[in-house]
Amino acid sequence: MKNKKERNMKSPLVITLIVLVLFIVLIFFSVLKGPIKDIDQDSSPDRDTIKKVLENQKRSENPMVNINRAVSYGDESLCRGDYICEAYFVLDKATKSGDTVDCNQINDTLLNNNCKDSVLFSNTLNTGNKSLCNQIKNVSVKSICEEI
């Protein structure tokens, strides 16, 4: 019975020591960090800082925003040199015209083939001419086209 009481006494002592050690560590790190500095809220950033922030926001803007702008306004320059955006722009133009020749403006082979496949698939849906499915290179798209 005496042994059991000793264990019970050790448990609160251990917990107290752990809490004390954590408290000392907290004080130690708060002293190292130094006092909290007041931030001058009246100071406004200069023009250069504002320009840098805006440029960073433009760079980190979702690429779909540029794609949507370019397609909506019919202006490829809104892609700002983003080749994926330019490919979507050409794809939209080719789909609307129904001509796979428009896809030749895309230099990337994979994107070029995807563009042509999309135009052929769209033409199949619009005309009901399933013979166009034979020209599709992507096997997945081709099988979906043939099932329509």
Protein backbone atom coordinates (compact mmCIF):
# COMPACT_ATOMS: atom_id res chain seq x y z
CA MET A 1 0.00 0.00 0.00
CA LYS A 2 2.85 2.34 0.76
CA ASN A 3 4.27 1.67 -2.71
CA LYS A 4 0.99 2.75 -4.35
CA LYS A 5 0.95 6.06 -2.46
CA GLU A 6 4.50 6.78 -3.56
CA ARG A 7 3.49 6.30 -7.21
CA ASN A 8 0.51 8.60 -6.76
CA MET A 9 2.78 11.26 -5.25
CA LYS A 10 5.27 10.98 -8.12
CA SER A 11 2.63 11.58 -10.77
CA PRO A 12 1.61 15.09 -9.59
CA LEU A 13 5.26 15.94 -8.97
CA VAL A 14 6.20 14.92 -12.54
CA ILE A 15 3.33 16.94 -14.00
CA THR A 16 4.32 19.99 -11.95
CA LEU A 17 7.93 19.69 -13.09
CA ILE A 18 6.91 19.39 -16.75
CA VAL A 19 4.68 22.47 -16.51
CA LEU A 20 7.48 24.38 -14.78
CA VAL A 21 10.02 23.40 -17.47
CA LEU A 22 7.61 24.44 -20.25
CA PHE A 23 7.01 27.77 -18.51
CA ILE A 24 10.76 28.39 -18.26
CA VAL A 25 11.21 27.52 -21.96
CA LEU A 26 8.40 29.95 -22.86
CA ILE A 27 10.03 32.74 -20.86
CA PHE A 28 13.43 31.95 -22.40
CA PHE A 29 12.13 32.20 -25.98
CA SER A 30 10.13 35.35 -25.28
CA VAL A 31 13.29 37.02 -23.93
CA LEU A 32 15.24 35.96 -27.04
CA LYS A 33 12.54 37.27 -29.35
CA GLY A 34 12.67 40.69 -27.69
CA PRO A 35 9.92 43.14 -26.91
CA ILE A 36 6.98 43.58 -29.24
CA LYS A 37 7.62 46.50 -31.58
CA ASP A 38 4.93 49.03 -32.36
CA ILE A 39 4.05 49.31 -36.02
CA ASP A 40 3.63 52.81 -37.31
CA GLN A 41 0.21 52.65 -38.96
CA ASP A 42 0.37 56.18 -40.28
CA SER A 43 3.19 55.46 -42.70
CA SER A 44 1.97 54.78 -46.23
CA PRO A 45 3.97 52.74 -48.77
CA ASP A 46 5.66 54.62 -51.57
CA ARG A 47 4.69 54.31 -55.24
CA ASP A 48 7.47 51.84 -56.07
CA THR A 49 6.30 49.46 -53.35
CA ILE A 50 2.72 49.66 -54.59
CA LYS A 51 3.84 48.96 -58.18
CA LYS A 52 5.85 45.93 -57.07
CA VAL A 53 2.89 44.53 -55.14
CA LEU A 54 0.57 45.00 -58.13
CA GLU A 55 3.08 43.37 -60.50
CA ASN A 56 3.39 40.38 -58.17
CA GLN A 57 -0.39 40.07 -58.04
CA LYS A 58 -0.58 40.10 -61.83
CA ARG A 59 2.05 37.36 -62.06
CA SER A 60 0.31 35.21 -59.47
CA GLU A 61 -3.10 35.71 -61.09
CA ASN A 62 -4.93 32.54 -62.06
CA PRO A 63 -4.08 31.67 -65.70
CA MET A 64 -7.75 30.99 -66.38
CA VAL A 65 -8.44 34.70 -65.88
CA ASN A 66 -6.24 35.57 -68.86
CA ILE A 67 -7.79 32.78 -70.92
CA ASN A 68 -11.30 33.98 -70.15
CA ARG A 69 -10.40 37.59 -70.93
CA ALA A 70 -8.70 36.73 -74.22
CA VAL A 71 -11.54 34.49 -75.40
CA SER A 72 -14.28 36.87 -74.20
CA TYR A 73 -12.79 39.91 -75.89
CA GLY A 74 -11.44 38.01 -78.90
CA ASP A 75 -8.02 39.51 -78.27
CA GLU A 76 -5.04 37.13 -78.14
CA SER A 77 -2.76 39.87 -76.77
CA LEU A 78 -4.60 39.56 -73.45
CA CYS A 79 -2.81 36.22 -73.00
CA ARG A 80 0.35 38.23 -72.18
CA GLY A 81 2.67 35.66 -73.77
CA ASP A 82 1.22 32.64 -71.93
CA TYR A 83 1.38 29.85 -74.52
CA ILE A 84 -1.34 27.80 -72.81
CA CYS A 85 -3.66 30.80 -72.97
CA GLU A 86 -2.74 31.34 -76.61
CA ALA A 87 -3.50 27.67 -77.34
CA TYR A 88 -6.94 27.99 -75.69
CA PHE A 89 -7.56 31.14 -77.71
CA VAL A 90 -6.72 29.33 -80.96
CA LEU A 91 -8.82 26.33 -79.87
CA ASP A 92 -11.81 28.60 -79.28
CA LYS A 93 -11.32 30.25 -82.66
CA ALA A 94 -10.93 26.87 -84.41
CA THR A 95 -13.98 25.41 -82.68
CA LYS A 96 -16.10 28.38 -83.69
CA SER A 97 -14.90 28.22 -87.30
CA GLY A 98 -15.01 24.42 -87.42
CA ASP A 99 -11.70 24.40 -89.30
CA THR A 100 -8.79 22.28 -88.01
CA VAL A 101 -6.37 24.40 -90.08
CA ASP A 102 -6.68 27.12 -87.43
CA CYS A 103 -5.01 24.71 -84.98
CA ASN A 104 -1.78 24.91 -87.01
CA GLN A 105 -1.08 28.22 -85.24
CA ILE A 106 -0.22 26.16 -82.13
CA ASN A 107 3.45 25.10 -82.21
CA ASP A 108 3.27 22.49 -79.44
CA THR A 109 2.51 19.12 -81.10
CA LEU A 110 0.41 17.73 -78.24
CA LEU A 111 -1.69 20.89 -77.93
CA ASN A 112 -2.00 21.07 -81.71
CA ASN A 113 -3.32 17.49 -81.90
CA ASN A 114 -5.69 18.10 -78.98
CA CYS A 115 -7.01 21.18 -80.74
CA LYS A 116 -7.66 19.27 -83.96
CA ASP A 117 -9.32 16.42 -82.06
CA SER A 118 -11.56 18.88 -80.21
CA VAL A 119 -12.58 20.61 -83.44
CA LEU A 120 -13.36 17.28 -85.13
CA PHE A 121 -15.35 16.12 -82.10
CA SER A 122 -17.26 19.40 -82.02
CA ASN A 123 -17.97 19.12 -85.76
CA THR A 124 -19.23 15.56 -85.23
CA LEU A 125 -21.62 16.77 -82.52
CA ASN A 126 -22.84 19.66 -84.66
CA THR A 127 -23.27 17.77 -87.95
CA GLY A 128 -23.86 14.19 -86.81
CA ASN A 129 -21.22 13.05 -89.34
CA LYS A 130 -19.53 10.15 -87.52
CA SER A 131 -16.98 9.66 -90.29
CA LEU A 132 -15.09 12.61 -88.75
CA CYS A 133 -14.35 10.41 -85.73
CA ASN A 134 -11.87 8.41 -87.85
CA GLN A 135 -9.61 11.48 -88.11
CA ILE A 136 -9.33 11.89 -84.31
CA LYS A 137 -5.92 10.81 -82.98
CA ASN A 138 -6.66 10.59 -79.25
CA VAL A 139 -8.01 7.09 -78.60
CA SER A 140 -10.23 8.14 -75.67
CA VAL A 141 -11.82 11.00 -77.57
CA LYS A 142 -12.18 8.79 -80.65
CA SER A 143 -14.04 6.06 -78.73
CA ILE A 144 -16.39 8.64 -77.16
CA CYS A 145 -16.99 10.15 -80.58
CA GLU A 146 -17.85 6.78 -82.09
CA GLU A 147 -20.33 6.01 -79.28
CA ILE A 148 -22.40 9.11 -79.97
